Protein backbone atom coordinates (compact mmCIF):
# COMPACT_ATOMS: atom_id res chain seq x y z
CA MET A 1 97.53 86.37 65.86
CA PRO A 2 98.33 89.08 63.48
CA GLU A 3 100.21 88.19 60.17
CA LYS A 4 103.92 88.55 60.64
CA HIS A 5 104.42 90.28 57.34
CA ASN A 6 102.23 93.28 58.35
CA MET A 7 104.26 93.60 61.62
CA PRO A 8 106.84 96.31 61.94
CA GLU A 9 110.09 95.20 62.97
CA GLY A 10 110.23 94.67 66.79
CA ALA A 11 106.47 94.85 67.37
CA ILE A 12 104.63 92.57 69.90
CA PRO A 13 101.48 91.23 68.21
CA CYS A 14 98.20 91.98 69.97
CA LEU A 15 94.82 90.52 69.14
CA ASP A 16 94.27 89.27 65.66
CA LYS A 17 95.74 92.12 63.64
CA GLY A 18 97.21 94.61 66.25
CA PHE A 19 100.48 95.30 67.75
CA VAL A 20 102.55 97.57 70.04
CA ARG A 21 106.17 98.47 69.46
CA LEU A 22 108.46 100.64 71.27
CA VAL A 23 109.71 103.32 68.87
CA ASP A 24 112.01 105.26 71.22
CA SER A 25 112.70 105.99 74.92
CA MET A 26 114.49 108.61 76.93
CA GLY A 27 116.20 107.61 80.28
CA GLY A 28 115.90 104.71 82.36
CA ASP A 29 116.61 103.86 85.89
CA GLU A 30 119.69 106.23 85.83
CA ALA A 31 117.58 109.23 84.91
CA ILE A 32 115.32 108.63 88.03
CA VAL A 33 118.09 108.59 90.45
CA GLN A 34 119.81 111.66 88.64
CA ALA A 35 116.51 113.65 89.00
CA ALA A 36 116.25 112.59 92.57
CA ARG A 37 119.78 113.71 93.27
CA VAL A 38 119.50 116.88 91.40
CA SER A 39 121.79 118.79 93.75
CA TYR A 40 124.61 116.31 93.06
CA GLY A 41 124.24 115.40 89.33
CA LYS A 42 124.89 111.87 88.31
CA GLY A 43 127.41 111.33 91.07
CA THR A 44 129.31 108.00 91.56
CA SER A 45 126.69 105.95 93.36
CA LYS A 46 126.74 102.28 93.20
CA VAL A 47 124.07 100.29 91.44
CA SER A 48 122.72 98.90 94.78
CA GLN A 49 122.49 102.41 96.02
CA ASP A 50 120.44 103.46 92.84
CA ARG A 51 118.11 100.59 93.47
CA GLY A 52 117.49 101.40 97.04
CA LEU A 53 116.90 104.96 96.18
CA ILE A 54 114.50 103.96 93.33
CA ARG A 55 112.48 101.74 95.89
CA TYR A 56 112.52 104.54 98.47
CA LEU A 57 111.00 106.96 95.99
CA MET A 58 108.24 104.36 94.97
CA ARG A 59 107.59 103.46 98.54
CA HIS A 60 107.01 107.00 99.70
CA ARG A 61 105.14 108.08 96.51
CA HIS A 62 107.77 110.69 95.26
CA THR A 63 106.57 110.53 91.71
CA THR A 64 108.31 113.35 89.92
CA PRO A 65 111.75 111.60 89.32
CA PHE A 66 109.89 108.72 87.52
CA GLU A 67 108.32 111.49 85.07
CA MET A 68 111.89 112.03 83.69
CA VAL A 69 111.68 108.71 81.71
CA GLU A 70 109.65 108.81 78.62
CA PHE A 71 108.39 106.02 76.19
CA LYS A 72 107.05 106.43 72.63
CA PHE A 73 105.07 103.56 71.23
CA HIS A 74 103.64 102.80 67.82
CA ALA A 75 100.33 100.90 68.40
CA LYS A 76 97.51 99.33 66.22
CA MET A 77 94.29 98.63 67.88
CA PRO A 78 90.53 98.32 67.42
CA ILE A 79 88.82 101.90 67.65
CA PHE A 80 86.90 100.73 70.85
CA VAL A 81 90.18 99.82 72.50
CA ALA A 82 91.57 103.25 71.69
CA ARG A 83 88.60 105.14 73.07
CA GLN A 84 89.40 103.32 76.42
CA TRP A 85 93.02 104.08 76.26
CA VAL A 86 92.65 107.71 75.55
CA ARG A 87 90.89 108.08 78.96
CA HIS A 88 94.39 108.37 80.28
CA ARG A 89 94.65 111.89 79.63
CA THR A 90 98.59 112.21 80.21
CA ALA A 91 100.08 111.41 76.85
CA ASN A 92 100.84 113.02 73.50
CA ILE A 93 98.91 111.28 70.84
CA ASN A 94 98.94 111.31 67.06
CA GLU A 95 96.42 109.04 65.51
CA TYR A 96 95.69 107.91 61.87
CA SER A 97 93.11 110.26 60.62
CA LEU A 98 90.11 108.98 58.61
CA ARG A 99 89.26 112.60 57.64
CA TYR A 100 92.38 112.56 55.40
CA SER A 101 93.12 108.96 54.82
CA GLU A 102 91.06 106.13 53.58
CA ALA A 103 89.88 103.35 55.93
CA ARG A 104 91.54 100.03 55.65
CA ASP A 105 89.59 96.81 55.60
CA GLU A 106 90.98 95.70 58.96
CA PHE A 107 88.53 94.65 61.63
CA TYR A 108 88.81 92.94 64.99
CA TYR A 109 87.19 89.63 65.24
CA PRO A 110 87.15 88.22 68.78
CA ASP A 111 88.45 84.69 69.57
CA PRO A 112 85.46 82.30 70.47
CA GLU A 113 86.85 81.85 73.82
CA HIS A 114 86.70 85.57 74.62
CA ILE A 115 83.00 85.72 73.67
CA GLN A 116 81.13 85.52 77.12
CA PHE A 117 77.87 86.70 78.69
CA GLN A 118 77.47 90.08 80.38
CA SER A 119 78.79 89.68 84.14
CA ALA A 120 76.01 89.80 86.80
CA LEU A 121 78.42 91.17 89.29
CA ASN A 122 80.48 93.61 87.10
CA LYS A 123 78.51 95.83 84.76
CA GLN A 124 81.61 96.50 82.80
CA GLY A 125 82.88 92.97 82.61
CA ARG A 126 81.92 89.59 81.00
CA ALA A 127 81.90 86.10 82.55
CA GLY A 128 80.38 82.64 81.68
CA LYS A 129 80.74 80.22 78.89
CA VAL A 130 78.65 80.84 75.96
CA PRO A 131 77.22 77.85 73.90
CA LYS A 132 78.83 77.10 70.55
CA LYS A 133 75.72 78.15 68.64
CA LEU A 134 75.38 81.48 70.18
CA THR A 135 79.18 82.05 69.61
CA ASP A 136 78.83 81.23 66.05
CA LYS A 137 75.94 83.79 65.63
CA VAL A 138 78.27 86.59 67.49
CA MET A 139 81.16 85.76 64.91
CA LYS A 140 78.77 85.89 62.03
CA TYR A 141 77.22 89.25 63.16
CA PHE A 142 80.78 90.59 63.71
CA ARG A 143 81.85 89.68 60.15
CA GLU A 144 78.42 90.78 58.54
CA ILE A 145 78.55 94.21 59.94
CA SER A 146 82.20 94.75 59.29
CA GLU A 147 82.04 93.61 55.72
CA ARG A 148 78.86 95.27 54.86
CA SER A 149 79.85 98.70 56.54
CA PHE A 150 83.12 98.62 54.59
CA GLU A 151 81.31 97.97 51.19
CA MET A 152 79.02 100.96 51.93
CA TYR A 153 82.07 103.11 53.04
CA GLN A 154 83.87 102.17 49.74
CA GLU A 155 80.86 102.93 47.66
CA LEU A 156 80.45 106.30 49.13
CA ASN A 157 84.05 107.11 49.13
CA ASP A 158 84.22 106.08 45.28
CA ALA A 159 81.33 108.59 44.77
CA GLY A 160 83.39 111.26 46.23
CA LEU A 161 81.64 111.91 49.50
CA ALA A 162 83.66 113.47 52.32
CA LYS A 163 85.71 111.07 54.23
CA GLU A 164 85.19 113.07 57.49
CA LEU A 165 81.41 112.10 57.17
CA ILE A 166 81.25 108.71 55.66
CA ARG A 167 83.82 107.46 58.41
CA ALA A 168 80.86 107.56 60.71
CA ILE A 169 79.24 104.44 59.25
CA LEU A 170 82.22 102.17 60.27
CA PRO A 171 81.85 100.18 63.35
CA VAL A 172 84.22 100.49 66.44
CA ASN A 173 85.99 97.17 65.60
CA LEU A 174 87.74 98.99 62.75
CA TYR A 175 91.53 99.09 63.46
CA THR A 176 93.17 102.39 64.05
CA GLU A 177 96.87 103.31 64.76
CA TRP A 178 98.62 106.02 66.70
CA TYR A 179 101.98 107.15 68.21
CA TRP A 180 101.57 107.47 71.90
CA LYS A 181 104.22 109.10 74.21
CA ASN A 182 104.14 109.11 77.96
CA ASP A 183 106.35 109.50 80.99
CA LEU A 184 106.99 106.43 83.17
CA HIS A 185 105.00 107.57 86.12
CA ASN A 186 101.80 107.87 84.25
CA LEU A 187 102.72 104.75 82.15
CA LEU A 188 102.93 102.70 85.42
CA HIS A 189 99.61 104.10 86.43
CA PHE A 190 98.07 102.94 83.03
CA ILE A 191 99.50 99.42 83.27
CA GLY A 192 98.30 99.09 86.91
CA LEU A 193 94.83 99.73 85.78
CA ARG A 194 94.71 98.08 82.40
CA SER A 195 96.90 94.93 83.08
CA ASP A 196 94.56 94.32 86.07
CA LEU A 197 92.56 91.10 85.79
CA HIS A 198 89.38 93.31 85.97
CA ALA A 199 90.24 95.33 82.96
CA GLN A 200 88.83 94.40 79.55
CA TYR A 201 90.66 91.58 77.97
CA GLU A 202 91.32 93.52 74.55
CA ILE A 203 93.12 96.32 76.35
CA ARG A 204 94.87 94.23 78.71
CA VAL A 205 96.64 92.53 75.83
CA TYR A 206 98.11 95.90 74.81
CA SER A 207 98.88 97.02 78.42
CA ASP A 208 100.89 93.64 78.91
CA ALA A 209 102.75 94.33 75.83
CA MET A 210 103.85 97.73 76.87
CA ALA A 211 104.94 96.57 80.16
CA GLU A 212 107.48 94.35 78.51
CA SER A 213 109.30 97.55 77.36
CA VAL A 214 109.26 99.04 80.93
CA LYS A 215 110.78 96.00 82.36
CA LYS A 216 113.74 96.39 79.92
CA VAL A 217 114.20 100.16 80.12
CA ALA A 218 113.65 100.80 83.69
CA PRO A 219 114.05 97.16 85.54
CA PHE A 220 114.59 98.71 89.07
CA ALA A 221 111.57 101.00 88.70
CA TRP A 222 109.51 98.09 87.38
CA GLU A 223 110.52 95.97 90.30
CA ALA A 224 109.67 98.61 92.81
CA TYR A 225 106.38 99.31 91.38
CA GLN A 226 105.39 95.58 91.53
CA ASP A 227 106.54 95.37 95.12
CA TYR A 228 105.04 98.52 96.54
CA VAL A 229 101.93 99.33 94.29
CA VAL A 230 100.81 95.99 92.62
CA ASP A 231 101.66 93.51 95.26
CA GLY A 232 101.89 96.06 98.17
CA MET A 233 99.04 97.06 100.58
CA ARG A 234 97.89 100.24 102.13
CA PHE A 235 95.70 100.57 105.03
CA SER A 236 93.09 103.37 105.66
CA ARG A 237 92.71 105.12 108.94
CA ALA A 238 89.93 102.85 109.97
CA GLU A 239 91.75 99.73 109.08
CA GLN A 240 94.73 100.95 110.96
CA ASN A 241 92.62 101.57 114.14
CA LEU A 242 91.40 98.06 113.92
CA LEU A 243 94.97 96.58 113.71
CA GLU A 244 96.01 98.82 116.59
CA THR A 245 93.18 97.87 118.77
CA ARG A 246 92.93 94.18 117.90
CA LEU A 247 96.59 93.01 117.39
CA PRO A 248 98.11 91.91 120.62
CA GLU A 249 101.41 93.55 121.51
CA ARG A 250 103.18 90.24 121.94
CA VAL A 251 102.58 89.59 118.21
CA ILE A 252 103.90 93.08 117.30
CA ASP A 253 106.92 92.32 119.56
CA ASP A 254 107.55 89.17 117.58
CA ILE A 255 107.44 90.91 114.42
CA VAL A 256 109.77 93.64 115.68
CA GLU A 257 112.21 90.90 116.73
CA ASP A 258 112.21 89.37 113.32
CA VAL A 259 112.83 92.70 111.93
CA ALA A 260 115.88 93.13 114.17
CA TYR A 261 117.35 90.00 112.98
CA GLN A 262 116.85 90.80 109.27
CA ILE A 263 118.44 94.32 109.62
CA THR A 264 121.38 92.69 111.46
CA ALA A 265 121.76 90.07 108.77
CA THR A 266 121.50 92.56 105.86
CA LEU A 267 123.96 94.95 107.58
CA HIS A 268 126.39 92.11 108.11
CA ASN A 269 125.98 90.90 104.50
CA ASN A 270 126.71 94.34 103.28
CA LYS A 271 129.67 94.93 105.57
CA PRO A 272 130.79 91.71 107.45
CA ARG A 273 131.43 92.04 111.09
CA LYS A 274 133.46 89.76 113.37
CA ASP A 275 131.51 87.15 115.21
CA GLY A 276 132.01 89.05 118.45
CA GLU A 277 130.43 92.16 117.06
CA LEU A 278 127.10 90.50 115.87
CA TYR A 279 125.27 90.38 119.03
CA GLU A 280 126.04 93.94 119.84
CA LEU A 281 124.93 95.02 116.27
CA TYR A 282 121.61 92.87 116.90
CA GLN A 283 120.98 94.75 120.18
CA LYS A 284 121.38 98.10 118.54
CA GLN A 285 118.71 97.18 116.06
CA GLY A 286 116.23 96.63 118.88
CA GLY A 287 116.84 93.02 119.46
CA SER A 288 115.80 91.45 122.88
CA ASP A 289 116.96 87.91 122.80
CA VAL A 290 119.71 86.69 125.16
CA GLU A 291 122.97 86.05 123.56
CA SER A 292 122.66 82.27 123.58
CA ASP A 293 119.21 82.40 121.85
CA PHE A 294 120.49 84.95 119.34
CA GLN A 295 123.41 82.61 118.55
CA LEU A 296 120.97 79.58 117.82
CA LYS A 297 118.76 81.63 115.52
CA TRP A 298 121.75 83.11 113.85
CA ASP A 299 123.42 79.67 113.39
CA SER A 300 120.29 78.36 111.69
CA GLY A 301 120.90 80.37 108.54
CA GLU A 302 117.34 81.03 107.91
CA ILE A 303 117.25 84.70 108.39
CA GLU A 304 116.20 86.64 105.24
CA LEU A 305 117.99 89.61 103.84
CA GLY A 306 116.16 92.80 102.97
CA ASN A 307 116.59 96.57 102.43
CA VAL A 308 117.72 98.17 105.65
CA ARG A 309 116.00 101.46 105.23
CA GLU A 310 112.65 99.74 104.35
CA LEU A 311 113.02 97.39 107.28
CA LYS A 312 113.67 100.30 109.86
CA GLU A 313 110.62 102.06 108.45
CA PHE A 314 108.55 99.00 109.05
CA ARG A 315 110.01 98.72 112.42
CA GLU A 316 108.85 102.35 113.33
CA LYS A 317 105.43 101.61 112.02
CA LEU A 318 105.06 98.64 114.04
CA THR A 319 106.32 100.40 117.21
CA LYS A 320 103.71 103.23 116.55
CA MET A 321 100.87 100.50 116.78
CA LYS A 322 101.70 99.59 120.21
CA LYS A 323 99.40 101.34 122.97
């Protein structure tokens, strides 16, 4: 864990000497809905309507409104992490330059638990517990190469050699810093890739830290991203064909029936109906149970609420799957 006295105020510690801190942000959930409703300005919509619109935009992959929200981070990370990070070519970056400034004696030393063998299944990953004797050797080599390279760098720097050249002898576990500004759409894409369990541990730590800022600045957008992208599921044409061919119509009908109950319960929750109006409302949503069966299920109190627009879209998809 980084030493606290080296931490800027509000920074989230990352690895042994690094951090991420949110320097500034522009907009939030309200900026997303304002952009989506550009013809009407901010308007007088309810918070629940804002949430529903954001979920609709995320579900249908309307990404432009999410680009209206921006985040500016100050981050300190090992150079090899920065080189992965910069692969996301959608940000504005200003990095600490070793052409003009002297290198600092700050190197990343991995925790022993994160020293593992090369994965046999993933060419980019690691797996398997390493014996302590070998772990100790790795730590020794990390320190030796870091300390010796910095001694040589200092020697050449003191001799007046050009910094832009002698920086090349420093290893990529040297810490660097930068300011990194990006919009929410591309930041979510970054987090989706770099917080994934398949991502390298060292960059995952930074991605998880940045995610904390997104949760606070745009909570509805974060929730929608988790529901529709991270935990959601999309089917290819071939996969859809298999479902349409193999899934019995009776199963589809059962699911459509459940959806009718959920839509009815949600509409009733949003705008309460009289008892005598509920069965008619249920029938309008495509429900096919007789009134006595409807009343039994309704009285059970086990019907989940949802998003009406989303549930209706799901019902349409199910209906299309019936041959």
